[in-house]
Amino acid sequence: MARKGAARAVRLNCPKCFSAFTVVAYLSRGIAANDYWKARAEEHDCVSHEKMVAAVRSGDVTKNPLKASKAAARGKQ
């Protein structure tokens, strides 16, 4: 049976660190959406999110992962 509908992106806030992040999911009819989104917010990894935000702010992040892996192979990390 083909799926009807599409994946839905929802912007959530972490209850621990108050960071905003996006979750994309396809929810079936039998799933309580509010409970699902609440569970995803509680599973947020605050430490890795903070590291990623710090890397973006400092300019140490490369948007293209292929370029990053080629630079690492050349020893330019």
Protein backbone atom coordinates (compact mmCIF):
# COMPACT_ATOMS: atom_id res chain seq x y z
CA MET A 1 0.00 0.00 0.00
CA ALA A 2 1.38 3.40 -0.98
CA ARG A 3 1.85 6.07 1.63
CA LYS A 4 -0.35 9.09 1.40
CA GLY A 5 1.10 12.30 2.72
CA ALA A 6 4.65 13.44 3.21
CA ALA A 7 7.30 13.85 5.83
CA ARG A 8 6.69 16.78 8.12
CA ALA A 9 9.34 19.06 9.56
CA VAL A 10 8.67 20.42 13.04
CA ARG A 11 10.75 22.95 14.94
CA LEU A 12 11.15 21.83 18.56
CA ASN A 13 12.74 23.31 21.67
CA CYS A 14 14.84 21.21 24.02
CA PRO A 15 13.41 21.28 27.56
CA LYS A 16 16.94 21.01 29.06
CA CYS A 17 19.06 23.50 27.10
CA PHE A 18 16.25 25.48 25.40
CA SER A 19 17.90 25.12 21.97
CA ALA A 20 15.69 25.08 18.89
CA PHE A 21 16.17 22.21 16.43
CA THR A 22 14.26 20.62 13.55
CA VAL A 23 12.95 17.06 13.38
CA VAL A 24 11.64 15.60 10.13
CA ALA A 25 9.39 12.54 10.39
CA TYR A 26 6.53 10.72 8.70
CA LEU A 27 3.91 9.86 11.30
CA SER A 28 1.36 7.10 10.76
CA ARG A 29 -2.25 7.59 11.72
CA GLY A 30 -1.96 5.43 14.85
CA ILE A 31 0.78 7.55 16.43
CA ALA A 32 -0.10 10.37 18.81
CA ALA A 33 1.79 13.30 17.25
CA ASN A 34 2.08 15.40 20.41
CA ASP A 35 3.57 12.50 22.37
CA TYR A 36 5.98 11.72 19.53
CA TRP A 37 7.26 15.31 19.28
CA LYS A 38 7.59 15.55 23.07
CA ALA A 39 9.67 12.35 23.13
CA ARG A 40 11.95 13.63 20.34
CA ALA A 41 12.49 16.89 22.24
CA GLU A 42 13.46 14.97 25.39
CA GLU A 43 15.97 12.85 23.41
CA HIS A 44 17.86 15.94 22.19
CA ASP A 45 21.65 15.60 22.57
CA CYS A 46 22.53 18.96 24.14
CA VAL A 47 26.31 18.40 24.23
CA SER A 48 26.73 17.56 20.54
CA HIS A 49 24.33 20.33 19.56
CA GLU A 50 26.37 22.88 21.50
CA LYS A 51 29.60 21.62 19.86
CA MET A 52 28.01 21.97 16.42
CA VAL A 53 26.78 25.50 17.16
CA ALA A 54 30.22 26.50 18.48
CA ALA A 55 31.90 25.11 15.34
CA VAL A 56 29.51 27.04 13.09
CA ARG A 57 30.07 30.28 15.00
CA SER A 58 33.87 29.91 14.90
CA GLY A 59 33.91 29.09 11.18
CA ASP A 60 35.49 25.65 11.67
CA VAL A 61 32.71 23.80 9.88
CA THR A 62 32.71 22.87 6.20
CA LYS A 63 29.32 22.72 4.53
CA ASN A 64 30.38 20.06 2.03
CA PRO A 65 31.41 16.81 3.80
CA LEU A 66 33.24 15.59 0.67
CA LYS A 67 35.52 18.61 0.76
CA ALA A 68 36.13 18.04 4.47
CA SER A 69 37.08 14.40 3.95
CA LYS A 70 39.42 15.29 1.05
CA ALA A 71 41.08 17.96 3.19
CA ALA A 72 41.49 15.47 6.02
CA ALA A 73 43.05 12.96 3.60
CA ARG A 74 45.56 15.62 2.55
CA GLY A 75 46.29 16.39 6.21
CA LYS A 76 44.68 19.86 6.31
CA GLN A 77 42.15 19.13 9.04
